[in-house]
Amino acid sequence: MLFFSYFKDLVGREVTVELKNDLAIRGTLHSVDQYLNIKLENTRVVDEDKYPHMKSVRNCFIRGSVVRYVQLPPDGVDIELLHDATRREARGG
């Protein structure tokens, strides 16, 4: 649940989601659920030359099981909050 609560705080921010098939999609995080399924708005593909058929897609739903990485905005990472939450989870609290 650590990542779920963290991603909920990033709603409305721009993120890049890299899928397991090497497709990277950048967009505004609209919502995320407990399975880390992600809904993006105002999307664009990072490498449009490689995926020209994706140019017309503006909103998308991404199943959590196909996500490889989520790149966060540099100012969106609160290191102290993550350290504290990780320590609490490791202790079982």
PDB file of N, CA and C in Angstrom:
ATOM      1  N   MET A   1       0.814  -1.196   0.000  1.00  0.00           N
ATOM      2  CA  MET A   1       0.000   0.000   0.000  1.00  0.00           C
ATOM      3  C   MET A   1       0.856   1.257   0.000  1.00  0.00           C
ATOM      4  N   LEU A   2       2.145   1.108   0.240  1.00  0.00           N
ATOM      5  CA  LEU A   2       3.037   2.260   0.278  1.00  0.00           C
ATOM      6  C   LEU A   2       3.000   3.018  -1.044  1.00  0.00           C
ATOM      7  N   PHE A   3       3.142   2.306  -2.148  1.00  0.00           N
ATOM      8  CA  PHE A   3       3.181   2.977  -3.439  1.00  0.00           C
ATOM      9  C   PHE A   3       1.815   3.519  -3.838  1.00  0.00           C
ATOM     10  N   PHE A   4       0.766   2.827  -3.490  1.00  0.00           N
ATOM     11  CA  PHE A   4      -0.583   3.297  -3.805  1.00  0.00           C
ATOM     12  C   PHE A   4      -0.830   4.664  -3.169  1.00  0.00           C
ATOM     13  N   SER A   5      -0.534   4.801  -1.890  1.00  0.00           N
ATOM     14  CA  SER A   5      -0.761   6.082  -1.221  1.00  0.00           C
ATOM     15  C   SER A   5       0.168   7.155  -1.774  1.00  0.00           C
ATOM     16  N   TYR A   6       1.362   6.768  -2.149  1.00  0.00           N
ATOM     17  CA  TYR A   6       2.295   7.739  -2.722  1.00  0.00           C
ATOM     18  C   TYR A   6       1.796   8.242  -4.082  1.00  0.00           C
ATOM     19  N   PHE A   7       1.342   7.318  -4.937  1.00  0.00           N
ATOM     20  CA  PHE A   7       0.850   7.717  -6.259  1.00  0.00           C
ATOM     21  C   PHE A   7      -0.426   8.544  -6.155  1.00  0.00           C
ATOM     22  N   LYS A   8      -1.245   8.298  -5.142  1.00  0.00           N
ATOM     23  CA  LYS A   8      -2.455   9.106  -4.963  1.00  0.00           C
ATOM     24  C   LYS A   8      -2.098  10.568  -4.740  1.00  0.00           C
ATOM     25  N   ASP A   9      -0.966  10.820  -4.096  1.00  0.00           N
ATOM     26  CA  ASP A   9      -0.519  12.196  -3.865  1.00  0.00           C
ATOM     27  C   ASP A   9      -0.041  12.867  -5.149  1.00  0.00           C
ATOM     28  N   LEU A  10       0.258  12.085  -6.177  1.00  0.00           N
ATOM     29  CA  LEU A  10       0.761  12.636  -7.437  1.00  0.00           C
ATOM     30  C   LEU A  10      -0.342  12.902  -8.462  1.00  0.00           C
ATOM     31  N   VAL A  11      -1.602  12.672  -8.099  1.00  0.00           N
ATOM     32  CA  VAL A  11      -2.707  12.926  -9.033  1.00  0.00           C
ATOM     33  C   VAL A  11      -2.667  14.394  -9.452  1.00  0.00           C
ATOM     34  N   GLY A  12      -2.782  14.611 -10.756  1.00  0.00           N
ATOM     35  CA  GLY A  12      -2.714  15.959 -11.309  1.00  0.00           C
ATOM     36  C   GLY A  12      -1.329  16.358 -11.772  1.00  0.00           C
ATOM     37  N   ARG A  13      -0.339  15.535 -11.506  1.00  0.00           N
ATOM     38  CA  ARG A  13       1.039  15.819 -11.911  1.00  0.00           C
ATOM     39  C   ARG A  13       1.361  15.047 -13.184  1.00  0.00           C
ATOM     40  N   GLU A  14       2.371  15.504 -13.924  1.00  0.00           N
ATOM     41  CA  GLU A  14       2.777  14.812 -15.137  1.00  0.00           C
ATOM     42  C   GLU A  14       3.769  13.702 -14.799  1.00  0.00           C
ATOM     43  N   VAL A  15       3.512  12.507 -15.324  1.00  0.00           N
ATOM     44  CA  VAL A  15       4.387  11.350 -15.122  1.00  0.00           C
ATOM     45  C   VAL A  15       4.616  10.665 -16.470  1.00  0.00           C
ATOM     46  N   THR A  16       5.655   9.859 -16.534  1.00  0.00           N
ATOM     47  CA  THR A  16       5.922   9.031 -17.702  1.00  0.00           C
ATOM     48  C   THR A  16       5.842   7.579 -17.262  1.00  0.00           C
ATOM     49  N   VAL A  17       5.024   6.795 -17.971  1.00  0.00           N
ATOM     50  CA  VAL A  17       4.847   5.382 -17.648  1.00  0.00           C
ATOM     51  C   VAL A  17       5.485   4.567 -18.766  1.00  0.00           C
ATOM     52  N   GLU A  18       6.460   3.731 -18.399  1.00  0.00           N
ATOM     53  CA  GLU A  18       7.091   2.834 -19.371  1.00  0.00           C
ATOM     54  C   GLU A  18       6.474   1.456 -19.205  1.00  0.00           C
ATOM     55  N   LEU A  19       5.987   0.912 -20.313  1.00  0.00           N
ATOM     56  CA  LEU A  19       5.338  -0.392 -20.291  1.00  0.00           C
ATOM     57  C   LEU A  19       6.339  -1.500 -20.581  1.00  0.00           C
ATOM     58  N   LYS A  20       5.949  -2.722 -20.298  1.00  0.00           N
ATOM     59  CA  LYS A  20       6.830  -3.870 -20.525  1.00  0.00           C
ATOM     60  C   LYS A  20       7.120  -4.118 -21.996  1.00  0.00           C
ATOM     61  N   ASN A  21       6.305  -3.541 -22.899  1.00  0.00           N
ATOM     62  CA  ASN A  21       6.571  -3.696 -24.337  1.00  0.00           C
ATOM     63  C   ASN A  21       7.402  -2.530 -24.879  1.00  0.00           C
ATOM     64  N   ASP A  22       8.046  -1.775 -23.992  1.00  0.00           N
ATOM     65  CA  ASP A  22       8.947  -0.661 -24.302  1.00  0.00           C
ATOM     66  C   ASP A  22       8.248   0.620 -24.740  1.00  0.00           C
ATOM     67  N   LEU A  23       6.933   0.665 -24.730  1.00  0.00           N
ATOM     68  CA  LEU A  23       6.200   1.883 -25.038  1.00  0.00           C
ATOM     69  C   LEU A  23       6.228   2.786 -23.802  1.00  0.00           C
ATOM     70  N   ALA A  24       6.600   4.051 -24.004  1.00  0.00           N
ATOM     71  CA  ALA A  24       6.619   5.018 -22.904  1.00  0.00           C
ATOM     72  C   ALA A  24       5.589   6.096 -23.205  1.00  0.00           C
ATOM     73  N   ILE A  25       4.695   6.331 -22.249  1.00  0.00           N
ATOM     74  CA  ILE A  25       3.609   7.287 -22.421  1.00  0.00           C
ATOM     75  C   ILE A  25       3.720   8.346 -21.325  1.00  0.00           C
ATOM     76  N   ARG A  26       3.697   9.601 -21.745  1.00  0.00           N
ATOM     77  CA  ARG A  26       3.748  10.713 -20.800  1.00  0.00           C
ATOM     78  C   ARG A  26       2.370  11.362 -20.744  1.00  0.00           C
ATOM     79  N   GLY A  27       1.931  11.694 -19.544  1.00  0.00           N
ATOM     80  CA  GLY A  27       0.639  12.338 -19.403  1.00  0.00           C
ATOM     81  C   GLY A  27       0.379  12.767 -17.971  1.00  0.00           C
ATOM     82  N   THR A  28      -0.772  13.367 -17.775  1.00  0.00           N
ATOM     83  CA  THR A  28      -1.174  13.827 -16.451  1.00  0.00           C
ATOM     84  C   THR A  28      -1.877  12.686 -15.719  1.00  0.00           C
ATOM     85  N   LEU A  29      -1.390  12.371 -14.538  1.00  0.00           N
ATOM     86  CA  LEU A  29      -1.976  11.295 -13.745  1.00  0.00           C
ATOM     87  C   LEU A  29      -3.371  11.706 -13.289  1.00  0.00           C
ATOM     88  N   HIS A  30      -4.377  10.978 -13.750  1.00  0.00           N
ATOM     89  CA  HIS A  30      -5.760  11.277 -13.389  1.00  0.00           C
ATOM     90  C   HIS A  30      -6.210  10.462 -12.189  1.00  0.00           C
ATOM     91  N   SER A  31      -5.852   9.173 -12.186  1.00  0.00           N
ATOM     92  CA  SER A  31      -6.220   8.323 -11.050  1.00  0.00           C
ATOM     93  C   SER A  31      -5.343   7.085 -11.008  1.00  0.00           C
ATOM     94  N   VAL A  32      -5.333   6.460  -9.853  1.00  0.00           N
ATOM     95  CA  VAL A  32      -4.600   5.211  -9.631  1.00  0.00           C
ATOM     96  C   VAL A  32      -5.393   4.417  -8.604  1.00  0.00           C
ATOM     97  N   ASP A  33      -5.386   3.086  -8.728  1.00  0.00           N
ATOM     98  CA  ASP A  33      -6.107   2.270  -7.753  1.00  0.00           C
ATOM     99  C   ASP A  33      -5.144   1.350  -7.010  1.00  0.00           C
ATOM    100  N   GLN A  34      -5.689   0.502  -6.135  1.00  0.00           N
ATOM    101  CA  GLN A  34      -4.856  -0.340  -5.277  1.00  0.00           C
ATOM    102  C   GLN A  34      -4.046  -1.376  -6.051  1.00  0.00           C
ATOM    103  N   TYR A  35      -4.433  -1.654  -7.304  1.00  0.00           N
ATOM    104  CA  TYR A  35      -3.674  -2.580  -8.146  1.00  0.00           C
ATOM    105  C   TYR A  35      -2.641  -1.841  -8.986  1.00  0.00           C
ATOM    106  N   LEU A  36      -2.504  -0.555  -8.751  1.00  0.00           N
ATOM    107  CA  LEU A  36      -1.623   0.348  -9.491  1.00  0.00           C
ATOM    108  C   LEU A  36      -2.001   0.446 -10.958  1.00  0.00           C
ATOM    109  N   ASN A  37      -3.295   0.245 -11.254  1.00  0.00           N
ATOM    110  CA  ASN A  37      -3.814   0.588 -12.572  1.00  0.00           C
ATOM    111  C   ASN A  37      -3.794   2.105 -12.652  1.00  0.00           C
ATOM    112  N   ILE A  38      -3.422   2.638 -13.800  1.00  0.00           N
ATOM    113  CA  ILE A  38      -3.188   4.073 -13.946  1.00  0.00           C
ATOM    114  C   ILE A  38      -4.048   4.627 -15.061  1.00  0.00           C
ATOM    115  N   LYS A  39      -4.675   5.772 -14.806  1.00  0.00           N
ATOM    116  CA  LYS A  39      -5.394   6.484 -15.854  1.00  0.00           C
ATOM    117  C   LYS A  39      -4.660   7.789 -16.113  1.00  0.00           C
ATOM    118  N   LEU A  40      -4.282   8.010 -17.385  1.00  0.00           N
ATOM    119  CA  LEU A  40      -3.578   9.226 -17.789  1.00  0.00           C
ATOM    120  C   LEU A  40      -4.452  10.051 -18.712  1.00  0.00           C
ATOM    121  N   GLU A  41      -4.324  11.361 -18.612  1.00  0.00           N
ATOM    122  CA  GLU A  41      -4.996  12.285 -19.522  1.00  0.00           C
ATOM    123  C   GLU A  41      -3.936  13.122 -20.228  1.00  0.00           C
ATOM    124  N   ASN A  42      -4.331  13.717 -21.352  1.00  0.00           N
ATOM    125  CA  ASN A  42      -3.418  14.552 -22.146  1.00  0.00           C
ATOM    126  C   ASN A  42      -2.122  13.805 -22.454  1.00  0.00           C
ATOM    127  N   THR A  43      -2.275  12.590 -22.955  1.00  0.00           N
ATOM    128  CA  THR A  43      -1.118  11.720 -23.171  1.00  0.00           C
ATOM    129  C   THR A  43      -0.420  12.011 -24.487  1.00  0.00           C
ATOM    130  N   ARG A  44       0.844  11.653 -24.499  1.00  0.00           N
ATOM    131  CA  ARG A  44       1.630  11.652 -25.732  1.00  0.00           C
ATOM    132  C   ARG A  44       2.706  10.582 -25.575  1.00  0.00           C
ATOM    133  N   VAL A  45       3.063   9.999 -26.688  1.00  0.00           N
ATOM    134  CA  VAL A  45       4.068   8.941 -26.682  1.00  0.00           C
ATOM    135  C   VAL A  45       5.446   9.582 -26.718  1.00  0.00           C
ATOM    136  N   VAL A  46       6.366   9.042 -25.947  1.00  0.00           N
ATOM    137  CA  VAL A  46       7.713   9.608 -25.892  1.00  0.00           C
ATOM    138  C   VAL A  46       8.405   9.467 -27.241  1.00  0.00           C
ATOM    139  N   ASP A  47       8.285   8.322 -27.903  1.00  0.00           N
ATOM    140  CA  ASP A  47       8.915   8.092 -29.208  1.00  0.00           C
ATOM    141  C   ASP A  47       7.825   7.958 -30.270  1.00  0.00           C
ATOM    142  N   GLU A  48       7.312   9.091 -30.741  1.00  0.00           N
ATOM    143  CA  GLU A  48       6.189   9.071 -31.692  1.00  0.00           C
ATOM    144  C   GLU A  48       6.575   8.477 -33.041  1.00  0.00           C
ATOM    145  N   ASP A  49       7.847   8.542 -33.420  1.00  0.00           N
ATOM    146  CA  ASP A  49       8.273   7.961 -34.698  1.00  0.00           C
ATOM    147  C   ASP A  49       8.152   6.439 -34.672  1.00  0.00           C
ATOM    148  N   LYS A  50       8.388   5.844 -33.531  1.00  0.00           N
ATOM    149  CA  LYS A  50       8.316   4.389 -33.399  1.00  0.00           C
ATOM    150  C   LYS A  50       6.874   3.900 -33.271  1.00  0.00           C
ATOM    151  N   TYR A  51       5.982   4.750 -32.721  1.00  0.00           N
ATOM    152  CA  TYR A  51       4.585   4.378 -32.493  1.00  0.00           C
ATOM    153  C   TYR A  51       3.659   5.441 -33.087  1.00  0.00           C
ATOM    154  N   PRO A  52       3.632   5.594 -34.404  1.00  0.00           N
ATOM    155  CA  PRO A  52       2.814   6.661 -35.007  1.00  0.00           C
ATOM    156  C   PRO A  52       1.311   6.466 -34.790  1.00  0.00           C
ATOM    157  N   HIS A  53       0.869   5.227 -34.619  1.00  0.00           N
ATOM    158  CA  HIS A  53      -0.554   4.961 -34.410  1.00  0.00           C
ATOM    159  C   HIS A  53      -1.046   5.470 -33.049  1.00  0.00           C
ATOM    160  N   MET A  54      -0.137   5.851 -32.175  1.00  0.00           N
ATOM    161  CA  MET A  54      -0.512   6.329 -30.843  1.00  0.00           C
ATOM    162  C   MET A  54      -0.661   7.852 -30.779  1.00  0.00           C
ATOM    163  N   LYS A  55      -0.427   8.544 -31.898  1.00  0.00           N
ATOM    164  CA  LYS A  55      -0.490  10.009 -31.886  1.00  0.00           C
ATOM    165  C   LYS A  55      -1.878  10.537 -31.558  1.00  0.00           C
ATOM    166  N   SER A  56      -2.908   9.801 -31.918  1.00  0.00           N
ATOM    167  CA  SER A  56      -4.274  10.288 -31.704  1.00  0.00           C
ATOM    168  C   SER A  56      -4.826   9.961 -30.315  1.00  0.00           C
ATOM    169  N   VAL A  57      -4.107   9.171 -29.538  1.00  0.00           N
ATOM    170  CA  VAL A  57      -4.586   8.786 -28.202  1.00  0.00           C
ATOM    171  C   VAL A  57      -4.327   9.932 -27.231  1.00  0.00           C
ATOM    172  N   ARG A  58      -5.382  10.398 -26.563  1.00  0.00           N
ATOM    173  CA  ARG A  58      -5.253  11.517 -25.623  1.00  0.00           C
ATOM    174  C   ARG A  58      -5.504  11.103 -24.177  1.00  0.00           C
ATOM    175  N   ASN A  59      -6.244  10.033 -23.959  1.00  0.00           N
ATOM    176  CA  ASN A  59      -6.514   9.513 -22.615  1.00  0.00           C
ATOM    177  C   ASN A  59      -6.316   8.009 -22.662  1.00  0.00           C
ATOM    178  N   CYS A  60      -5.782   7.437 -21.598  1.00  0.00           N
ATOM    179  CA  CYS A  60      -5.615   5.989 -21.614  1.00  0.00           C
ATOM    180  C   CYS A  60      -5.666   5.419 -20.200  1.00  0.00           C
ATOM    181  N   PHE A  61      -6.028   4.155 -20.149  1.00  0.00           N
ATOM    182  CA  PHE A  61      -6.045   3.379 -18.918  1.00  0.00           C
ATOM    183  C   PHE A  61      -4.967   2.318 -19.059  1.00  0.00           C
ATOM    184  N   ILE A  62      -4.087   2.221 -18.096  1.00  0.00           N
ATOM    185  CA  ILE A  62      -2.969   1.275 -18.157  1.00  0.00           C
ATOM    186  C   ILE A  62      -3.109   0.282 -17.010  1.00  0.00           C
ATOM    187  N   ARG A  63      -3.180  -0.972 -17.362  1.00  0.00           N
ATOM    188  CA  ARG A  63      -3.275  -2.033 -16.350  1.00  0.00           C
ATOM    189  C   ARG A  63      -1.953  -2.106 -15.589  1.00  0.00           C
ATOM    190  N   GLY A  64      -2.030  -2.212 -14.284  1.00  0.00           N
ATOM    191  CA  GLY A  64      -0.836  -2.203 -13.442  1.00  0.00           C
ATOM    192  C   GLY A  64       0.152  -3.307 -13.749  1.00  0.00           C
ATOM    193  N   SER A  65      -0.333  -4.448 -14.220  1.00  0.00           N
ATOM    194  CA  SER A  65       0.561  -5.580 -14.472  1.00  0.00           C
ATOM    195  C   SER A  65       1.447  -5.395 -15.699  1.00  0.00           C
ATOM    196  N   VAL A  66       1.173  -4.398 -16.536  1.00  0.00           N
ATOM    197  CA  VAL A  66       1.997  -4.179 -17.731  1.00  0.00           C
ATOM    198  C   VAL A  66       2.979  -3.020 -17.553  1.00  0.00           C
ATOM    199  N   VAL A  67       2.990  -2.414 -16.369  1.00  0.00           N
ATOM    200  CA  VAL A  67       3.873  -1.277 -16.107  1.00  0.00           C
ATOM    201  C   VAL A  67       5.253  -1.774 -15.705  1.00  0.00           C
ATOM    202  N   ARG A  68       6.279  -1.249 -16.365  1.00  0.00           N
ATOM    203  CA  ARG A  68       7.664  -1.545 -15.984  1.00  0.00           C
ATOM    204  C   ARG A  68       8.167  -0.487 -15.013  1.00  0.00           C
ATOM    205  N   TYR A  69       8.056   0.787 -15.388  1.00  0.00           N
ATOM    206  CA  TYR A  69       8.520   1.904 -14.559  1.00  0.00           C
ATOM    207  C   TYR A  69       7.517   3.041 -14.612  1.00  0.00           C
ATOM    208  N   VAL A  70       7.517   3.843 -13.570  1.00  0.00           N
ATOM    209  CA  VAL A  70       6.816   5.122 -13.578  1.00  0.00           C
ATOM    210  C   VAL A  70       7.858   6.176 -13.225  1.00  0.00           C
ATOM    211  N   GLN A  71       8.087   7.088 -14.161  1.00  0.00           N
ATOM    212  CA  GLN A  71       9.047   8.165 -13.929  1.00  0.00           C
ATOM    213  C   GLN A  71       8.291   9.345 -13.340  1.00  0.00           C
ATOM    214  N   LEU A  72       8.750   9.799 -12.192  1.00  0.00           N
ATOM    215  CA  LEU A  72       8.085  10.866 -11.459  1.00  0.00           C
ATOM    216  C   LEU A  72       8.754  12.201 -11.739  1.00  0.00           C
ATOM    217  N   PRO A  73       8.023  13.292 -11.561  1.00  0.00           N
ATOM    218  CA  PRO A  73       8.660  14.595 -11.696  1.00  0.00           C
ATOM    219  C   PRO A  73       9.678  14.778 -10.572  1.00  0.00           C
ATOM    220  N   PRO A  74      10.825  15.392 -10.855  1.00  0.00           N
ATOM    221  CA  PRO A  74      11.873  15.527  -9.820  1.00  0.00           C
ATOM    222  C   PRO A  74      11.392  16.233  -8.558  1.00  0.00           C
ATOM    223  N   ASP A  75      10.532  17.222  -8.705  1.00  0.00           N
ATOM    224  CA  ASP A  75      10.055  17.932  -7.524  1.00  0.00           C
ATOM    225  C   ASP A  75       8.900  17.203  -6.845  1.00  0.00           C
ATOM    226  N   GLY A  76       8.479  16.074  -7.393  1.00  0.00           N
ATOM    227  CA  GLY A  76       7.375  15.316  -6.821  1.00  0.00           C
ATOM    228  C   GLY A  76       7.815  14.231  -5.866  1.00  0.00           C
ATOM    229  N   VAL A  77       9.114  14.122  -5.630  1.00  0.00           N
ATOM    230  CA  VAL A  77       9.632  13.060  -4.774  1.00  0.00           C
ATOM    231  C   VAL A  77      10.020  13.646  -3.418  1.00  0.00           C
ATOM    232  N   ASP A  78       9.309  13.238  -2.384  1.00  0.00           N
ATOM    233  CA  ASP A  78       9.629  13.645  -1.013  1.00  0.00           C
ATOM    234  C   ASP A  78      10.398  12.491  -0.373  1.00  0.00           C
ATOM    235  N   ILE A  79      11.710  12.600  -0.391  1.00  0.00           N
ATOM    236  CA  ILE A  79      12.580  11.513   0.066  1.00  0.00           C
ATOM    237  C   ILE A  79      12.323  11.160   1.534  1.00  0.00           C
ATOM    238  N   GLU A  80      12.176  12.155   2.383  1.00  0.00           N
ATOM    239  CA  GLU A  80      11.958  11.885   3.810  1.00  0.00           C
ATOM    240  C   GLU A  80      10.654  11.128   4.050  1.00  0.00           C
ATOM    241  N   LEU A  81       9.607  11.503   3.328  1.00  0.00           N
ATOM    242  CA  LEU A  81       8.329  10.800   3.459  1.00  0.00           C
ATOM    243  C   LEU A  81       8.467   9.337   3.047  1.00  0.00           C
ATOM    244  N   LEU A  82       9.170   9.078   1.956  1.00  0.00           N
ATOM    245  CA  LEU A  82       9.383   7.703   1.510  1.00  0.00           C
ATOM    246  C   LEU A  82      10.228   6.908   2.505  1.00  0.00           C
ATOM    247  N   HIS A  83      11.264   7.518   3.043  1.00  0.00           N
ATOM    248  CA  HIS A  83      12.103   6.825   4.033  1.00  0.00           C
ATOM    249  C   HIS A  83      11.275   6.450   5.264  1.00  0.00           C
ATOM    250  N   ASP A  84      10.500   7.394   5.767  1.00  0.00           N
ATOM    251  CA  ASP A  84       9.692   7.117   6.955  1.00  0.00           C
ATOM    252  C   ASP A  84       8.660   6.025   6.694  1.00  0.00           C
ATOM    253  N   ALA A  85       7.981   6.101   5.556  1.00  0.00           N
ATOM    254  CA  ALA A  85       6.961   5.105   5.221  1.00  0.00           C
ATOM    255  C   ALA A  85       7.588   3.726   5.027  1.00  0.00           C
ATOM    256  N   THR A  86       8.756   3.680   4.427  1.00  0.00           N
ATOM    257  CA  THR A  86       9.442   2.406   4.205  1.00  0.00           C
ATOM    258  C   THR A  86       9.863   1.787   5.537  1.00  0.00           C
ATOM    259  N   ARG A  87      10.361   2.620   6.437  1.00  0.00           N
ATOM    260  CA  ARG A  87      10.751   2.105   7.763  1.00  0.00           C
ATOM    261  C   ARG A  87       9.536   1.558   8.520  1.00  0.00           C
ATOM    262  N   ARG A  88       8.417   2.292   8.468  1.00  0.00           N
ATOM    263  CA  ARG A  88       7.196   1.845   9.162  1.00  0.00           C
ATOM    264  C   ARG A  88       6.720   0.516   8.600  1.00  0.00           C
ATOM    265  N   GLU A  89       6.743   0.395   7.254  1.00  0.00           N
ATOM    266  CA  GLU A  89       6.279  -0.843   6.637  1.00  0.00           C
ATOM    267  C   GLU A  89       7.206  -2.008   6.964  1.00  0.00           C
ATOM    268  N   ALA A  90       8.505  -1.753   7.032  1.00  0.00           N
ATOM    269  CA  ALA A  90       9.468  -2.816   7.351  1.00  0.00           C
ATOM    270  C   ALA A  90       9.277  -3.327   8.784  1.00  0.00           C
ATOM    271  N   ARG A  91       8.861  -2.437   9.675  1.00  0.00           N
ATOM    272  CA  ARG A  91       8.609  -2.831  11.062  1.00  0.00           C
ATOM    273  C   ARG A  91       7.261  -3.473  11.251  1.00  0.00           C
ATOM    274  N   GLY A  92       6.434  -3.425  10.192  1.00  0.00           N
ATOM    275  CA  GLY A  92       5.120  -4.032  10.303  1.00  0.00           C
ATOM    276  C   GLY A  92       4.067  -3.111  10.870  1.00  0.00           C
ATOM    277  N   GLY A  93       4.322  -1.806  10.838  1.00  0.00           N
ATOM    278  CA  GLY A  93       3.374  -0.869  11.434  1.00  0.00           C
ATOM    279  C   GLY A  93       2.821  -0.006  10.418  1.00  0.00           C
TER     280      GLY A  93
END
